[in-house]
Amino acid sequence: MMRFPVGLIVFLFYAVLSGLTFRKAWGHWAVGQEDLGFWFTVVAILLGIAGTGALVGWWIHSRPTED
């Protein structure tokens, strides 16, 4: 049953990374660096998608089986 906490930890790790990257993107947008703001936003969205995939995978694989 080691999958249970590991999947949740991976989700939280990606959520933190995504949040930090969005914050970095916001800083670039604020000072007029639209190109860097755009690409940091793209990376943050991809990290969010990866985190969502980890959360869904954790949920699917942590459900009890009907043996």
N, C-alpha and C. Protein backbone atom coordinates (compact mmCIF):
# COMPACT_ATOMS: atom_id res chain seq x y z
N MET A 1 0.82 -1.18 0.00
CA MET A 1 0.00 0.00 0.00
C MET A 1 0.87 1.26 0.00
N MET A 2 2.09 1.15 -0.50
CA MET A 2 2.99 2.30 -0.55
C MET A 2 2.57 3.31 -1.61
N ARG A 3 1.74 2.89 -2.58
CA ARG A 3 1.30 3.81 -3.62
C ARG A 3 0.47 4.94 -3.05
N PHE A 4 -0.24 4.70 -1.97
CA PHE A 4 -1.16 5.69 -1.42
C PHE A 4 -0.47 7.01 -1.08
N PRO A 5 0.55 7.03 -0.21
CA PRO A 5 1.14 8.33 0.11
C PRO A 5 2.05 8.87 -0.98
N VAL A 6 2.66 8.01 -1.77
CA VAL A 6 3.59 8.48 -2.79
C VAL A 6 2.85 9.29 -3.86
N GLY A 7 1.71 8.83 -4.32
CA GLY A 7 0.94 9.56 -5.33
C GLY A 7 0.49 10.92 -4.83
N LEU A 8 0.09 10.98 -3.59
CA LEU A 8 -0.33 12.26 -3.01
C LEU A 8 0.85 13.21 -2.86
N ILE A 9 2.00 12.68 -2.48
CA ILE A 9 3.20 13.52 -2.35
C ILE A 9 3.63 14.06 -3.71
N VAL A 10 3.55 13.25 -4.75
CA VAL A 10 3.89 13.70 -6.10
C VAL A 10 2.94 14.81 -6.54
N PHE A 11 1.65 14.64 -6.26
CA PHE A 11 0.67 15.68 -6.59
C PHE A 11 1.01 16.99 -5.87
N LEU A 12 1.30 16.92 -4.59
CA LEU A 12 1.62 18.13 -3.83
C LEU A 12 2.90 18.79 -4.34
N PHE A 13 3.88 17.98 -4.71
CA PHE A 13 5.13 18.50 -5.27
C PHE A 13 4.86 19.28 -6.56
N TYR A 14 4.08 18.70 -7.47
CA TYR A 14 3.75 19.39 -8.71
C TYR A 14 2.90 20.63 -8.46
N ALA A 15 2.02 20.59 -7.47
CA ALA A 15 1.19 21.75 -7.16
C ALA A 15 2.06 22.91 -6.66
N VAL A 16 3.04 22.60 -5.82
CA VAL A 16 3.95 23.65 -5.33
C VAL A 16 4.78 24.21 -6.48
N LEU A 17 5.32 23.34 -7.31
CA LEU A 17 6.12 23.81 -8.45
C LEU A 17 5.28 24.67 -9.40
N SER A 18 4.06 24.25 -9.65
CA SER A 18 3.19 25.02 -10.53
C SER A 18 2.88 26.39 -9.93
N GLY A 19 2.61 26.43 -8.64
CA GLY A 19 2.33 27.71 -7.99
C GLY A 19 3.53 28.65 -8.04
N LEU A 20 4.72 28.12 -7.79
CA LEU A 20 5.92 28.94 -7.84
C LEU A 20 6.18 29.46 -9.26
N THR A 21 5.90 28.63 -10.25
CA THR A 21 6.12 29.03 -11.63
C THR A 21 5.11 30.08 -12.06
N PHE A 22 3.85 29.95 -11.63
CA PHE A 22 2.86 30.99 -11.91
C PHE A 22 3.27 32.32 -11.27
N ARG A 23 3.81 32.24 -10.06
CA ARG A 23 4.26 33.45 -9.39
C ARG A 23 5.40 34.11 -10.15
N LYS A 24 6.33 33.30 -10.66
CA LYS A 24 7.44 33.83 -11.45
C LYS A 24 6.93 34.45 -12.75
N ALA A 25 5.94 33.79 -13.37
CA ALA A 25 5.36 34.32 -14.60
C ALA A 25 4.69 35.67 -14.34
N TRP A 26 3.98 35.77 -13.22
CA TRP A 26 3.30 37.02 -12.88
C TRP A 26 4.31 38.16 -12.75
N GLY A 27 5.46 37.86 -12.16
CA GLY A 27 6.50 38.87 -12.02
C GLY A 27 7.02 39.35 -13.37
N HIS A 28 7.18 38.44 -14.29
CA HIS A 28 7.65 38.83 -15.63
C HIS A 28 6.59 39.64 -16.37
N TRP A 29 5.32 39.25 -16.24
CA TRP A 29 4.26 40.03 -16.88
C TRP A 29 4.22 41.44 -16.29
N ALA A 30 4.43 41.56 -14.98
CA ALA A 30 4.31 42.85 -14.30
C ALA A 30 5.38 43.85 -14.74
N VAL A 31 6.57 43.36 -15.07
CA VAL A 31 7.65 44.28 -15.47
C VAL A 31 7.74 44.44 -16.98
N GLY A 32 6.79 43.89 -17.72
CA GLY A 32 6.75 44.10 -19.16
C GLY A 32 7.51 43.09 -19.99
N GLN A 33 7.92 42.00 -19.40
CA GLN A 33 8.61 40.95 -20.15
C GLN A 33 7.58 39.89 -20.56
N GLU A 34 6.79 40.23 -21.59
CA GLU A 34 5.68 39.36 -21.98
C GLU A 34 6.14 38.01 -22.49
N ASP A 35 7.29 37.97 -23.17
CA ASP A 35 7.76 36.69 -23.70
C ASP A 35 8.10 35.70 -22.58
N LEU A 36 8.82 36.17 -21.57
CA LEU A 36 9.14 35.29 -20.45
C LEU A 36 7.89 34.96 -19.63
N GLY A 37 7.01 35.93 -19.47
CA GLY A 37 5.76 35.67 -18.75
C GLY A 37 4.93 34.61 -19.44
N PHE A 38 4.88 34.68 -20.76
CA PHE A 38 4.12 33.70 -21.53
C PHE A 38 4.68 32.29 -21.35
N TRP A 39 6.00 32.15 -21.50
CA TRP A 39 6.59 30.82 -21.43
C TRP A 39 6.57 30.25 -20.02
N PHE A 40 6.74 31.09 -19.01
CA PHE A 40 6.60 30.59 -17.65
C PHE A 40 5.16 30.16 -17.37
N THR A 41 4.19 30.86 -17.97
CA THR A 41 2.80 30.46 -17.82
C THR A 41 2.56 29.10 -18.49
N VAL A 42 3.13 28.90 -19.66
CA VAL A 42 2.99 27.61 -20.35
C VAL A 42 3.58 26.48 -19.50
N VAL A 43 4.76 26.70 -18.94
CA VAL A 43 5.38 25.68 -18.09
C VAL A 43 4.53 25.42 -16.85
N ALA A 44 3.98 26.47 -16.25
CA ALA A 44 3.15 26.30 -15.07
C ALA A 44 1.89 25.50 -15.39
N ILE A 45 1.30 25.74 -16.55
CA ILE A 45 0.11 24.98 -16.95
C ILE A 45 0.47 23.51 -17.15
N LEU A 46 1.60 23.24 -17.79
CA LEU A 46 2.03 21.85 -17.99
C LEU A 46 2.30 21.15 -16.65
N LEU A 47 2.89 21.87 -15.70
CA LEU A 47 3.10 21.29 -14.37
C LEU A 47 1.76 21.02 -13.69
N GLY A 48 0.80 21.91 -13.88
CA GLY A 48 -0.53 21.68 -13.32
C GLY A 48 -1.21 20.47 -13.92
N ILE A 49 -1.04 20.27 -15.22
CA ILE A 49 -1.60 19.09 -15.87
C ILE A 49 -0.94 17.82 -15.35
N ALA A 50 0.38 17.86 -15.17
CA ALA A 50 1.08 16.69 -14.62
C ALA A 50 0.61 16.39 -13.20
N GLY A 51 0.41 17.43 -12.40
CA GLY A 51 -0.08 17.23 -11.05
C GLY A 51 -1.48 16.65 -11.02
N THR A 52 -2.33 17.12 -11.93
CA THR A 52 -3.69 16.58 -12.02
C THR A 52 -3.64 15.11 -12.42
N GLY A 53 -2.76 14.76 -13.35
CA GLY A 53 -2.59 13.36 -13.74
C GLY A 53 -2.12 12.50 -12.58
N ALA A 54 -1.22 13.03 -11.77
CA ALA A 54 -0.75 12.29 -10.59
C ALA A 54 -1.89 12.10 -9.59
N LEU A 55 -2.72 13.13 -9.42
CA LEU A 55 -3.85 13.03 -8.49
C LEU A 55 -4.87 12.00 -8.97
N VAL A 56 -5.19 12.02 -10.25
CA VAL A 56 -6.16 11.05 -10.80
C VAL A 56 -5.59 9.64 -10.72
N GLY A 57 -4.32 9.48 -11.07
CA GLY A 57 -3.70 8.16 -10.97
C GLY A 57 -3.66 7.64 -9.55
N TRP A 58 -3.37 8.53 -8.60
CA TRP A 58 -3.37 8.14 -7.18
C TRP A 58 -4.76 7.70 -6.76
N TRP A 59 -5.77 8.44 -7.19
CA TRP A 59 -7.15 8.10 -6.82
C TRP A 59 -7.57 6.76 -7.41
N ILE A 60 -7.24 6.53 -8.67
CA ILE A 60 -7.62 5.27 -9.33
C ILE A 60 -6.91 4.08 -8.67
N HIS A 61 -5.63 4.21 -8.41
CA HIS A 61 -4.85 3.08 -7.92
C HIS A 61 -4.94 2.88 -6.41
N SER A 62 -5.54 3.80 -5.68
CA SER A 62 -5.65 3.62 -4.25
C SER A 62 -7.02 3.11 -3.84
N ARG A 63 -7.93 2.92 -4.81
CA ARG A 63 -9.25 2.37 -4.47
C ARG A 63 -9.11 0.88 -4.17
N PRO A 64 -9.93 0.39 -3.27
CA PRO A 64 -9.86 -1.06 -2.96
C PRO A 64 -10.33 -1.89 -4.15
N THR A 65 -9.71 -3.04 -4.32
CA THR A 65 -10.07 -3.94 -5.42
C THR A 65 -11.11 -4.94 -4.94
N GLU A 66 -11.86 -5.43 -5.88
CA GLU A 66 -12.90 -6.44 -5.57
C GLU A 66 -12.41 -7.82 -5.98
N ASP A 67 -11.59 -8.42 -5.15
CA ASP A 67 -11.04 -9.76 -5.46
C ASP A 67 -11.93 -10.83 -4.95
